């Protein structure tokens, strides 16, 4: 059974940085693209970033381009989301997803 476990969320001031991690187990991690999504309070879930199986290609939502970086380490079955220049509107629960499986999410709160 595939499990995805996110970590690294927390409270950060505007302009700050956080690095989210997503550790996968029980599946063929290196065979599938990895995705990060988020759901802000009162809003629908939205895609944040996607990375290809070999980590060479990545796509980002316009609202995070130039600020967030997705990466992966297939040897560690782990994906990352480096988030810089955080804004209050980045406040959300962030989820990783792979092959229709989802993690439980990690809360990111940007505020003073």
PDB file of N, CA and C in Angstrom:
ATOM      1  N   UNK A   1       0.857  -1.200   0.000  1.00  0.00           N
ATOM      2  CA  UNK A   1       0.000   0.000   0.000  1.00  0.00           C
ATOM      3  C   UNK A   1       0.886   1.241   0.000  1.00  0.00           C
ATOM      4  N   UNK A   2       0.578   2.163  -0.900  1.00  0.00           N
ATOM      5  CA  UNK A   2       1.366   3.380  -1.016  1.00  0.00           C
ATOM      6  C   UNK A   2       1.013   4.342   0.112  1.00  0.00           C
ATOM      7  N   UNK A   3       2.030   4.896   0.717  1.00  0.00           N
ATOM      8  CA  UNK A   3       1.842   5.945   1.724  1.00  0.00           C
ATOM      9  C   UNK A   3       2.715   7.133   1.373  1.00  0.00           C
ATOM     10  N   UNK A   4       2.143   8.318   1.514  1.00  0.00           N
ATOM     11  CA  UNK A   4       2.864   9.572   1.316  1.00  0.00           C
ATOM     12  C   UNK A   4       2.749  10.378   2.597  1.00  0.00           C
ATOM     13  N   UNK A   5       3.875  10.820   3.121  1.00  0.00           N
ATOM     14  CA  UNK A   5       3.880  11.549   4.386  1.00  0.00           C
ATOM     15  C   UNK A   5       4.612  12.873   4.198  1.00  0.00           C
ATOM     16  N   UNK A   6       3.873  13.974   4.360  1.00  0.00           N
ATOM     17  CA  UNK A   6       4.450  15.307   4.247  1.00  0.00           C
ATOM     18  C   UNK A   6       4.956  15.787   5.599  1.00  0.00           C
ATOM     19  N   UNK A   7       5.942  16.661   5.544  1.00  0.00           N
ATOM     20  CA  UNK A   7       6.444  17.315   6.748  1.00  0.00           C
ATOM     21  C   UNK A   7       7.093  18.636   6.345  1.00  0.00           C
ATOM     22  N   UNK A   8       7.385  19.450   7.344  1.00  0.00           N
ATOM     23  CA  UNK A   8       8.102  20.692   7.092  1.00  0.00           C
ATOM     24  C   UNK A   8       7.261  21.945   7.154  1.00  0.00           C
ATOM     25  N   UNK A   9       5.959  21.791   7.322  1.00  0.00           N
ATOM     26  CA  UNK A   9       5.116  22.969   7.433  1.00  0.00           C
ATOM     27  C   UNK A   9       5.326  23.688   8.748  1.00  0.00           C
ATOM     28  N   UNK A  10       4.689  24.851   8.848  1.00  0.00           N
ATOM     29  CA  UNK A  10       4.808  25.617  10.087  1.00  0.00           C
ATOM     30  C   UNK A  10       4.385  27.047   9.878  1.00  0.00           C
ATOM     31  N   UNK A  11       4.707  27.874  10.872  1.00  0.00           N
ATOM     32  CA  UNK A  11       4.407  29.302  10.840  1.00  0.00           C
ATOM     33  C   UNK A  11       5.672  30.056  10.432  1.00  0.00           C
ATOM     34  N   UNK A  12       5.541  30.925   9.457  1.00  0.00           N
ATOM     35  CA  UNK A  12       6.687  31.691   8.976  1.00  0.00           C
ATOM     36  C   UNK A  12       6.241  33.108   8.672  1.00  0.00           C
ATOM     37  N   UNK A  13       7.134  34.048   8.833  1.00  0.00           N
ATOM     38  CA  UNK A  13       6.816  35.439   8.541  1.00  0.00           C
ATOM     39  C   UNK A  13       6.827  35.681   7.031  1.00  0.00           C
ATOM     40  N   UNK A  14       6.068  36.683   6.584  1.00  0.00           N
ATOM     41  CA  UNK A  14       6.124  37.031   5.152  1.00  0.00           C
ATOM     42  C   UNK A  14       7.557  37.291   4.708  1.00  0.00           C
ATOM     43  N   UNK A  15       7.887  36.766   3.537  1.00  0.00           N
ATOM     44  CA  UNK A  15       9.249  36.868   3.032  1.00  0.00           C
ATOM     45  C   UNK A  15      10.143  35.722   3.441  1.00  0.00           C
ATOM     46  N   UNK A  16       9.664  34.896   4.339  1.00  0.00           N
ATOM     47  CA  UNK A  16      10.462  33.781   4.827  1.00  0.00           C
ATOM     48  C   UNK A  16      10.413  32.580   3.919  1.00  0.00           C
ATOM     49  N   UNK A  17      11.055  31.504   4.375  1.00  0.00           N
ATOM     50  CA  UNK A  17      11.173  30.284   3.579  1.00  0.00           C
ATOM     51  C   UNK A  17      10.807  29.058   4.402  1.00  0.00           C
ATOM     52  N   UNK A  18      10.336  28.051   3.709  1.00  0.00           N
ATOM     53  CA  UNK A  18      10.104  26.737   4.280  1.00  0.00           C
ATOM     54  C   UNK A  18      10.449  25.693   3.228  1.00  0.00           C
ATOM     55  N   UNK A  19      10.822  24.512   3.698  1.00  0.00           N
ATOM     56  CA  UNK A  19      11.070  23.396   2.796  1.00  0.00           C
ATOM     57  C   UNK A  19      10.192  22.220   3.218  1.00  0.00           C
ATOM     58  N   UNK A  20       9.286  21.856   2.342  1.00  0.00           N
ATOM     59  CA  UNK A  20       8.421  20.730   2.601  1.00  0.00           C
ATOM     60  C   UNK A  20       9.049  19.454   2.047  1.00  0.00           C
ATOM     61  N   UNK A  21       8.803  18.357   2.736  1.00  0.00           N
ATOM     62  CA  UNK A  21       9.264  17.046   2.279  1.00  0.00           C
ATOM     63  C   UNK A  21       8.072  16.111   2.156  1.00  0.00           C
ATOM     64  N   UNK A  22       8.185  15.163   1.268  1.00  0.00           N
ATOM     65  CA  UNK A  22       7.157  14.138   1.088  1.00  0.00           C
ATOM     66  C   UNK A  22       7.874  12.808   0.908  1.00  0.00           C
ATOM     67  N   UNK A  23       7.733  11.934   1.891  1.00  0.00           N
ATOM     68  CA  UNK A  23       8.375  10.631   1.843  1.00  0.00           C
ATOM     69  C   UNK A  23       7.355   9.590   1.412  1.00  0.00           C
ATOM     70  N   UNK A  24       7.710   8.818   0.401  1.00  0.00           N
ATOM     71  CA  UNK A  24       6.816   7.803  -0.137  1.00  0.00           C
ATOM     72  C   UNK A  24       7.285   6.407   0.261  1.00  0.00           C
ATOM     73  N   UNK A  25       6.330   5.518   0.449  1.00  0.00           N
ATOM     74  CA  UNK A  25       6.647   4.125   0.736  1.00  0.00           C
ATOM     75  C   UNK A  25       5.580   3.228   0.122  1.00  0.00           C
ATOM     76  N   UNK A  26       5.966   1.997  -0.151  1.00  0.00           N
ATOM     77  CA  UNK A  26       5.008   1.013  -0.620  1.00  0.00           C
ATOM     78  C   UNK A  26       4.720   1.033  -2.109  1.00  0.00           C
ATOM     79  N   UNK A  27       5.430   1.849  -2.866  1.00  0.00           N
ATOM     80  CA  UNK A  27       5.155   1.916  -4.300  1.00  0.00           C
ATOM     81  C   UNK A  27       6.431   2.116  -5.099  1.00  0.00           C
ATOM     82  N   UNK A  28       6.264   2.299  -6.386  1.00  0.00           N
ATOM     83  CA  UNK A  28       7.399   2.511  -7.283  1.00  0.00           C
ATOM     84  C   UNK A  28       7.612   4.016  -7.447  1.00  0.00           C
ATOM     85  N   UNK A  29       8.247   4.613  -6.473  1.00  0.00           N
ATOM     86  CA  UNK A  29       8.374   6.077  -6.417  1.00  0.00           C
ATOM     87  C   UNK A  29       8.984   6.646  -7.691  1.00  0.00           C
ATOM     88  N   UNK A  30      10.012   6.004  -8.199  1.00  0.00           N
ATOM     89  CA  UNK A  30      10.750   6.569  -9.331  1.00  0.00           C
ATOM     90  C   UNK A  30      10.026   6.405 -10.658  1.00  0.00           C
ATOM     91  N   UNK A  31       8.873   5.771 -10.649  1.00  0.00           N
ATOM     92  CA  UNK A  31       8.149   5.501 -11.897  1.00  0.00           C
ATOM     93  C   UNK A  31       7.091   6.554 -12.207  1.00  0.00           C
ATOM     94  N   UNK A  32       6.824   7.453 -11.294  1.00  0.00           N
ATOM     95  CA  UNK A  32       5.715   8.383 -11.465  1.00  0.00           C
ATOM     96  C   UNK A  32       6.118   9.823 -11.205  1.00  0.00           C
ATOM     97  N   UNK A  33       5.454  10.731 -11.919  1.00  0.00           N
ATOM     98  CA  UNK A  33       5.599  12.141 -11.596  1.00  0.00           C
ATOM     99  C   UNK A  33       5.162  12.387 -10.153  1.00  0.00           C
ATOM    100  N   UNK A  34       5.679  13.448  -9.586  1.00  0.00           N
ATOM    101  CA  UNK A  34       5.258  13.866  -8.245  1.00  0.00           C
ATOM    102  C   UNK A  34       4.603  15.236  -8.339  1.00  0.00           C
ATOM    103  N   UNK A  35       3.637  15.459  -7.492  1.00  0.00           N
ATOM    104  CA  UNK A  35       2.877  16.701  -7.516  1.00  0.00           C
ATOM    105  C   UNK A  35       2.755  17.269  -6.114  1.00  0.00           C
ATOM    106  N   UNK A  36       2.742  18.583  -6.048  1.00  0.00           N
ATOM    107  CA  UNK A  36       2.362  19.291  -4.829  1.00  0.00           C
ATOM    108  C   UNK A  36       1.102  20.104  -5.131  1.00  0.00           C
ATOM    109  N   UNK A  37       0.152  20.013  -4.214  1.00  0.00           N
ATOM    110  CA  UNK A  37      -1.083  20.777  -4.282  1.00  0.00           C
ATOM    111  C   UNK A  37      -1.235  21.548  -2.979  1.00  0.00           C
ATOM    112  N   UNK A  38      -2.170  22.461  -2.982  1.00  0.00           N
ATOM    113  CA  UNK A  38      -2.504  23.141  -1.740  1.00  0.00           C
ATOM    114  C   UNK A  38      -3.988  23.484  -1.715  1.00  0.00           C
ATOM    115  N   UNK A  39      -4.513  23.619  -0.502  1.00  0.00           N
ATOM    116  CA  UNK A  39      -5.881  24.045  -0.305  1.00  0.00           C
ATOM    117  C   UNK A  39      -5.883  25.118   0.767  1.00  0.00           C
ATOM    118  N   UNK A  40      -6.257  26.303   0.350  1.00  0.00           N
ATOM    119  CA  UNK A  40      -6.367  27.413   1.284  1.00  0.00           C
ATOM    120  C   UNK A  40      -7.761  27.424   1.911  1.00  0.00           C
ATOM    121  N   UNK A  41      -7.913  28.030   3.069  1.00  0.00           N
ATOM    122  CA  UNK A  41      -9.221  28.072   3.720  1.00  0.00           C
ATOM    123  C   UNK A  41     -10.287  28.658   2.799  1.00  0.00           C
ATOM    124  N   UNK A  42     -11.383  27.937   2.633  1.00  0.00           N
ATOM    125  CA  UNK A  42     -12.492  28.426   1.830  1.00  0.00           C
ATOM    126  C   UNK A  42     -12.276  28.354   0.334  1.00  0.00           C
ATOM    127  N   UNK A  43     -11.182  27.732  -0.088  1.00  0.00           N
ATOM    128  CA  UNK A  43     -10.894  27.654  -1.518  1.00  0.00           C
ATOM    129  C   UNK A  43     -10.753  26.207  -1.970  1.00  0.00           C
ATOM    130  N   UNK A  44     -10.802  26.013  -3.267  1.00  0.00           N
ATOM    131  CA  UNK A  44     -10.610  24.683  -3.817  1.00  0.00           C
ATOM    132  C   UNK A  44      -9.120  24.340  -3.857  1.00  0.00           C
ATOM    133  N   UNK A  45      -8.862  23.055  -3.887  1.00  0.00           N
ATOM    134  CA  UNK A  45      -7.494  22.587  -4.025  1.00  0.00           C
ATOM    135  C   UNK A  45      -6.919  23.029  -5.365  1.00  0.00           C
ATOM    136  N   UNK A  46      -5.650  23.427  -5.360  1.00  0.00           N
ATOM    137  CA  UNK A  46      -5.019  23.875  -6.601  1.00  0.00           C
ATOM    138  C   UNK A  46      -3.629  23.278  -6.722  1.00  0.00           C
ATOM    139  N   UNK A  47      -3.233  23.029  -7.961  1.00  0.00           N
ATOM    140  CA  UNK A  47      -1.915  22.472  -8.215  1.00  0.00           C
ATOM    141  C   UNK A  47      -0.860  23.541  -7.995  1.00  0.00           C
ATOM    142  N   UNK A  48       0.225  23.147  -7.363  1.00  0.00           N
ATOM    143  CA  UNK A  48       1.324  24.068  -7.100  1.00  0.00           C
ATOM    144  C   UNK A  48       2.497  23.782  -8.036  1.00  0.00           C
ATOM    145  N   UNK A  49       2.903  22.505  -8.091  1.00  0.00           N
ATOM    146  CA  UNK A  49       4.073  22.148  -8.891  1.00  0.00           C
ATOM    147  C   UNK A  49       4.054  20.661  -9.204  1.00  0.00           C
ATOM    148  N   UNK A  50       4.700  20.325 -10.317  1.00  0.00           N
ATOM    149  CA  UNK A  50       4.824  18.932 -10.760  1.00  0.00           C
ATOM    150  C   UNK A  50       6.251  18.703 -11.223  1.00  0.00           C
ATOM    151  N   UNK A  51       6.771  17.515 -10.929  1.00  0.00           N
ATOM    152  CA  UNK A  51       8.110  17.173 -11.389  1.00  0.00           C
ATOM    153  C   UNK A  51       8.080  15.814 -12.070  1.00  0.00           C
ATOM    154  N   UNK A  52       8.876  15.685 -13.122  1.00  0.00           N
ATOM    155  CA  UNK A  52       8.904  14.439 -13.895  1.00  0.00           C
ATOM    156  C   UNK A  52       9.616  13.330 -13.122  1.00  0.00           C
ATOM    157  N   UNK A  53       9.537  12.116 -13.652  1.00  0.00           N
ATOM    158  CA  UNK A  53      10.073  10.951 -12.948  1.00  0.00           C
ATOM    159  C   UNK A  53      11.576  11.069 -12.715  1.00  0.00           C
ATOM    160  N   UNK A  54      12.285  11.681 -13.667  1.00  0.00           N
ATOM    161  CA  UNK A  54      13.737  11.782 -13.515  1.00  0.00           C
ATOM    162  C   UNK A  54      14.175  13.111 -12.913  1.00  0.00           C
ATOM    163  N   UNK A  55      13.208  13.966 -12.606  1.00  0.00           N
ATOM    164  CA  UNK A  55      13.524  15.232 -11.955  1.00  0.00           C
ATOM    165  C   UNK A  55      14.012  16.327 -12.884  1.00  0.00           C
ATOM    166  N   UNK A  56      14.037  16.058 -14.165  1.00  0.00           N
ATOM    167  CA  UNK A  56      14.585  17.042 -15.108  1.00  0.00           C
ATOM    168  C   UNK A  56      13.570  18.117 -15.467  1.00  0.00           C
ATOM    169  N   UNK A  57      12.317  17.728 -15.563  1.00  0.00           N
ATOM    170  CA  UNK A  57      11.283  18.661 -15.995  1.00  0.00           C
ATOM    171  C   UNK A  57      10.359  19.003 -14.843  1.00  0.00           C
ATOM    172  N   UNK A  58      10.013  20.276 -14.717  1.00  0.00           N
ATOM    173  CA  UNK A  58       9.102  20.720 -13.665  1.00  0.00           C
ATOM    174  C   UNK A  58       8.160  21.777 -14.214  1.00  0.00           C
ATOM    175  N   UNK A  59       6.981  21.818 -13.665  1.00  0.00           N
ATOM    176  CA  UNK A  59       5.993  22.834 -14.026  1.00  0.00           C
ATOM    177  C   UNK A  59       5.445  23.462 -12.763  1.00  0.00           C
ATOM    178  N   UNK A  60       5.120  24.737 -12.853  1.00  0.00           N
ATOM    179  CA  UNK A  60       4.671  25.486 -11.690  1.00  0.00           C
ATOM    180  C   UNK A  60       3.421  26.280 -12.015  1.00  0.00           C
ATOM    181  N   UNK A  61       2.588  26.443 -11.009  1.00  0.00           N
ATOM    182  CA  UNK A  61       1.491  27.382 -11.124  1.00  0.00           C
ATOM    183  C   UNK A  61       2.062  28.785 -11.202  1.00  0.00           C
ATOM    184  N   UNK A  62       1.367  29.662 -11.916  1.00  0.00           N
ATOM    185  CA  UNK A  62       1.872  31.018 -12.109  1.00  0.00           C
ATOM    186  C   UNK A  62       2.110  31.730 -10.778  1.00  0.00           C
ATOM    187  N   UNK A  63       1.291  31.430  -9.786  1.00  0.00           N
ATOM    188  CA  UNK A  63       1.382  32.185  -8.537  1.00  0.00           C
ATOM    189  C   UNK A  63       2.588  31.789  -7.686  1.00  0.00           C
ATOM    190  N   UNK A  64       3.340  30.752  -8.086  1.00  0.00           N
ATOM    191  CA  UNK A  64       4.543  30.387  -7.335  1.00  0.00           C
ATOM    192  C   UNK A  64       5.803  30.433  -8.184  1.00  0.00           C
ATOM    193  N   UNK A  65       5.677  30.706  -9.462  1.00  0.00           N
ATOM    194  CA  UNK A  65       6.851  30.730 -10.329  1.00  0.00           C
ATOM    195  C   UNK A  65       7.883  31.739  -9.833  1.00  0.00           C
ATOM    196  N   UNK A  66       9.116  31.292  -9.790  1.00  0.00           N
ATOM    197  CA  UNK A  66      10.196  32.145  -9.340  1.00  0.00           C
ATOM    198  C   UNK A  66      10.377  32.167  -7.835  1.00  0.00           C
ATOM    199  N   UNK A  67       9.434  31.575  -7.104  1.00  0.00           N
ATOM    200  CA  UNK A  67       9.531  31.551  -5.629  1.00  0.00           C
ATOM    201  C   UNK A  67       9.669  30.137  -5.080  1.00  0.00           C
ATOM    202  N   UNK A  68       8.991  29.176  -5.700  1.00  0.00           N
ATOM    203  CA  UNK A  68       8.996  27.787  -5.232  1.00  0.00           C
ATOM    204  C   UNK A  68       9.806  26.922  -6.185  1.00  0.00           C
ATOM    205  N   UNK A  69      10.431  25.891  -5.638  1.00  0.00           N
ATOM    206  CA  UNK A  69      11.173  24.927  -6.440  1.00  0.00           C
ATOM    207  C   UNK A  69      10.833  23.518  -5.982  1.00  0.00           C
ATOM    208  N   UNK A  70      10.413  22.705  -6.936  1.00  0.00           N
ATOM    209  CA  UNK A  70      10.129  21.306  -6.646  1.00  0.00           C
ATOM    210  C   UNK A  70      11.341  20.469  -7.040  1.00  0.00           C
ATOM    211  N   UNK A  71      11.620  19.448  -6.256  1.00  0.00           N
ATOM    212  CA  UNK A  71      12.724  18.551  -6.561  1.00  0.00           C
ATOM    213  C   UNK A  71      12.390  17.165  -6.007  1.00  0.00           C
ATOM    214  N   UNK A  72      13.233  16.205  -6.347  1.00  0.00           N
ATOM    215  CA  UNK A  72      13.012  14.851  -5.850  1.00  0.00           C
ATOM    216  C   UNK A  72      14.344  14.124  -5.753  1.00  0.00           C
ATOM    217  N   UNK A  73      14.365  13.156  -4.856  1.00  0.00           N
ATOM    218  CA  UNK A  73      15.518  12.289  -4.691  1.00  0.00           C
ATOM    219  C   UNK A  73      14.989  10.859  -4.762  1.00  0.00           C
ATOM    220  N   UNK A  74      15.122  10.235  -5.902  1.00  0.00           N
ATOM    221  CA  UNK A  74      14.549   8.898  -6.077  1.00  0.00           C
ATOM    222  C   UNK A  74      15.228   7.861  -5.188  1.00  0.00           C
ATOM    223  N   UNK A  75      16.482   8.086  -4.853  1.00  0.00           N
ATOM    224  CA  UNK A  75      17.177   7.154  -3.971  1.00  0.00           C
ATOM    225  C   UNK A  75      16.593   7.171  -2.557  1.00  0.00           C
ATOM    226  N   UNK A  76      15.980   8.289  -2.195  1.00  0.00           N
ATOM    227  CA  UNK A  76      15.385   8.430  -0.859  1.00  0.00           C
ATOM    228  C   UNK A  76      13.870   8.366  -0.890  1.00  0.00           C
ATOM    229  N   UNK A  77      13.294   8.133  -2.072  1.00  0.00           N
ATOM    230  CA  UNK A  77      11.823   8.113  -2.208  1.00  0.00           C
ATOM    231  C   UNK A  77      11.198   9.378  -1.632  1.00  0.00           C
ATOM    232  N   UNK A  78      11.813  10.501  -1.904  1.00  0.00           N
ATOM    233  CA  UNK A  78      11.383  11.754  -1.284  1.00  0.00           C
ATOM    234  C   UNK A  78      11.290  12.865  -2.326  1.00  0.00           C
ATOM    235  N   UNK A  79      10.239  13.653  -2.197  1.00  0.00           N
ATOM    236  CA  UNK A  79      10.071  14.863  -2.992  1.00  0.00           C
ATOM    237  C   UNK A  79      10.110  16.064  -2.062  1.00  0.00           C
ATOM    238  N   UNK A  80      10.497  17.196  -2.618  1.00  0.00           N
ATOM    239  CA  UNK A  80      10.641  18.411  -1.818  1.00  0.00           C
ATOM    240  C   UNK A  80       9.932  19.566  -2.502  1.00  0.00           C
ATOM    241  N   UNK A  81       9.562  20.542  -1.681  1.00  0.00           N
ATOM    242  CA  UNK A  81       9.073  21.803  -2.211  1.00  0.00           C
ATOM    243  C   UNK A  81       9.753  22.904  -1.406  1.00  0.00           C
ATOM    244  N   UNK A  82      10.702  23.569  -2.042  1.00  0.00           N
ATOM    245  CA  UNK A  82      11.373  24.711  -1.419  1.00  0.00           C
ATOM    246  C   UNK A  82      10.543  25.949  -1.695  1.00  0.00           C
ATOM    247  N   UNK A  83      10.123  26.614  -0.643  1.00  0.00           N
ATOM    248  CA  UNK A  83       9.254  27.774  -0.775  1.00  0.00           C
ATOM    249  C   UNK A  83       9.966  28.999  -0.220  1.00  0.00           C
ATOM    250  N   UNK A  84      10.222  29.955  -1.083  1.00  0.00           N
ATOM    251  CA  UNK A  84      10.889  31.197  -0.702  1.00  0.00           C
ATOM    252  C   UNK A  84       9.960  32.375  -0.909  1.00  0.00           C
ATOM    253  N   UNK A  85      10.321  33.491  -0.329  1.00  0.00           N
ATOM    254  CA  UNK A  85       9.537  34.732  -0.482  1.00  0.00           C
ATOM    255  C   UNK A  85       8.056  34.468  -0.221  1.00  0.00           C
ATOM    256  N   UNK A  86       7.785  33.807   0.865  1.00  0.00           N
ATOM    257  CA  UNK A  86       6.405  33.431   1.165  1.00  0.00           C
ATOM    258  C   UNK A  86       5.533  34.639   1.444  1.00  0.00           C
ATOM    259  N   UNK A  87       4.280  34.509   1.015  1.00  0.00           N
ATOM    260  CA  UNK A  87       3.291  35.570   1.164  1.00  0.00           C
ATOM    261  C   UNK A  87       2.133  35.056   2.017  1.00  0.00           C
ATOM    262  N   UNK A  88       1.391  35.955   2.639  1.00  0.00           N
ATOM    263  CA  UNK A  88       0.229  35.501   3.411  1.00  0.00           C
ATOM    264  C   UNK A  88      -0.740  34.656   2.584  1.00  0.00           C
ATOM    265  N   UNK A  89      -0.868  34.951   1.315  1.00  0.00           N
ATOM    266  CA  UNK A  89      -1.778  34.179   0.468  1.00  0.00           C
ATOM    267  C   UNK A  89      -1.272  32.773   0.157  1.00  0.00           C
ATOM    268  N   UNK A  90      -0.055  32.451   0.568  1.00  0.00           N
ATOM    269  CA  UNK A  90       0.444  31.076   0.446  1.00  0.00           C
ATOM    270  C   UNK A  90      -0.031  30.194   1.599  1.00  0.00           C
ATOM    271  N   UNK A  91      -0.690  30.789   2.567  1.00  0.00           N
ATOM    272  CA  UNK A  91      -1.210  30.018   3.691  1.00  0.00           C
ATOM    273  C   UNK A  91      -2.201  28.968   3.188  1.00  0.00           C
ATOM    274  N   UNK A  92      -1.940  27.716   3.520  1.00  0.00           N
ATOM    275  CA  UNK A  92      -2.762  26.607   3.029  1.00  0.00           C
ATOM    276  C   UNK A  92      -2.253  25.306   3.631  1.00  0.00           C
ATOM    277  N   UNK A  93      -3.033  24.263   3.438  1.00  0.00           N
ATOM    278  CA  UNK A  93      -2.534  22.913   3.683  1.00  0.00           C
ATOM    279  C   UNK A  93      -1.928  22.420   2.373  1.00  0.00           C
ATOM    280  N   UNK A  94      -0.688  21.952   2.450  1.00  0.00           N
ATOM    281  CA  UNK A  94       0.018  21.491   1.271  1.00  0.00           C
ATOM    282  C   UNK A  94       0.053  19.963   1.251  1.00  0.00           C
ATOM    283  N   UNK A  95      -0.263  19.422   0.089  1.00  0.00           N
ATOM    284  CA  UNK A  95      -0.345  17.973  -0.083  1.00  0.00           C
ATOM    285  C   UNK A  95       0.593  17.517  -1.195  1.00  0.00           C
ATOM    286  N   UNK A  96       1.208  16.379  -1.007  1.00  0.00           N
ATOM    287  CA  UNK A  96       1.899  15.742  -2.127  1.00  0.00           C
ATOM    288  C   UNK A  96       1.013  14.623  -2.672  1.00  0.00           C
ATOM    289  N   UNK A  97       1.233  14.342  -3.939  1.00  0.00           N
ATOM    290  CA  UNK A  97       0.404  13.342  -4.602  1.00  0.00           C
ATOM    291  C   UNK A  97       1.219  12.617  -5.654  1.00  0.00           C
ATOM    292  N   UNK A  98       0.954  11.329  -5.776  1.00  0.00           N
ATOM    293  CA  UNK A  98       1.609  10.540  -6.800  1.00  0.00           C
ATOM    294  C   UNK A  98       0.691   9.380  -7.173  1.00  0.00           C
ATOM    295  N   UNK A  99       0.477   9.211  -8.463  1.00  0.00           N
ATOM    296  CA  UNK A  99      -0.290   8.078  -8.973  1.00  0.00           C
ATOM    297  C   UNK A  99      -1.612   7.905  -8.220  1.00  0.00           C
ATOM    298  N   UNK A 100      -2.322   8.993  -8.052  1.00  0.00           N
ATOM    299  CA  UNK A 100      -3.654   9.013  -7.445  1.00  0.00           C
ATOM    300  C   UNK A 100      -3.627   8.787  -5.925  1.00  0.00           C
ATOM    301  N   UNK A 101      -2.469   8.719  -5.328  1.00  0.00           N
ATOM    302  CA  UNK A 101      -2.365   8.643  -3.878  1.00  0.00           C
ATOM    303  C   UNK A 101      -2.049  10.036  -3.326  1.00  0.00           C
ATOM    304  N   UNK A 102      -2.500  10.254  -2.086  1.00  0.00           N
ATOM    305  CA  UNK A 102      -2.337  11.558  -1.461  1.00  0.00           C
ATOM    306  C   UNK A 102      -1.793  11.397  -0.041  1.00  0.00           C
ATOM    307  N   UNK A 103      -1.005  12.401   0.351  1.00  0.00           N
ATOM    308  CA  UNK A 103      -0.594  12.461   1.742  1.00  0.00           C
ATOM    309  C   UNK A 103      -1.665  13.118   2.585  1.00  0.00           C
ATOM    310  N   UNK A 104      -1.393  13.235   3.872  1.00  0.00           N
ATOM    311  CA  UNK A 104      -2.363  13.805   4.801  1.00  0.00           C
ATOM    312  C   UNK A 104      -2.286  15.328   4.852  1.00  0.00           C
ATOM    313  N   UNK A 105      -1.223  15.890   4.300  1.00  0.00           N
ATOM    314  CA  UNK A 105      -1.087  17.330   4.250  1.00  0.00           C
ATOM    315  C   UNK A 105      -0.265  17.888   5.394  1.00  0.00           C
ATOM    316  N   UNK A 106       0.327  19.046   5.144  1.00  0.00           N
ATOM    317  CA  UNK A 106       1.073  19.771   6.171  1.00  0.00           C
ATOM    318  C   UNK A 106       0.677  21.242   6.083  1.00  0.00           C
ATOM    319  N   UNK A 107       0.411  21.827   7.247  1.00  0.00           N
ATOM    320  CA  UNK A 107      -0.099  23.203   7.296  1.00  0.00           C
ATOM    321  C   UNK A 107       1.053  24.198   7.151  1.00  0.00           C
ATOM    322  N   UNK A 108       0.871  25.144   6.248  1.00  0.00           N
ATOM    323  CA  UNK A 108       1.792  26.271   6.104  1.00  0.00           C
ATOM    324  C   UNK A 108       1.011  27.548   6.393  1.00  0.00           C
ATOM    325  N   UNK A 109       1.507  28.313   7.354  1.00  0.00           N
ATOM    326  CA  UNK A 109       0.866  29.571   7.721  1.00  0.00           C
ATOM    327  C   UNK A 109       1.886  30.691   7.589  1.00  0.00           C
ATOM    328  N   UNK A 110       1.549  31.688   6.793  1.00  0.00           N
ATOM    329  CA  UNK A 110       2.441  32.822   6.581  1.00  0.00           C
ATOM    330  C   UNK A 110       1.819  34.048   7.233  1.00  0.00           C
ATOM    331  N   UNK A 111       2.445  34.514   8.282  1.00  0.00           N
ATOM    332  CA  UNK A 111       1.919  35.661   9.000  1.00  0.00           C
ATOM    333  C   UNK A 111       2.876  36.074  10.090  1.00  0.00           C
ATOM    334  N   UNK A 112       2.578  37.219  10.684  1.00  0.00           N
ATOM    335  CA  UNK A 112       3.465  37.717  11.751  1.00  0.00           C
ATOM    336  C   UNK A 112       2.970  37.286  13.110  1.00  0.00           C
TER     337      UNK A 112
END
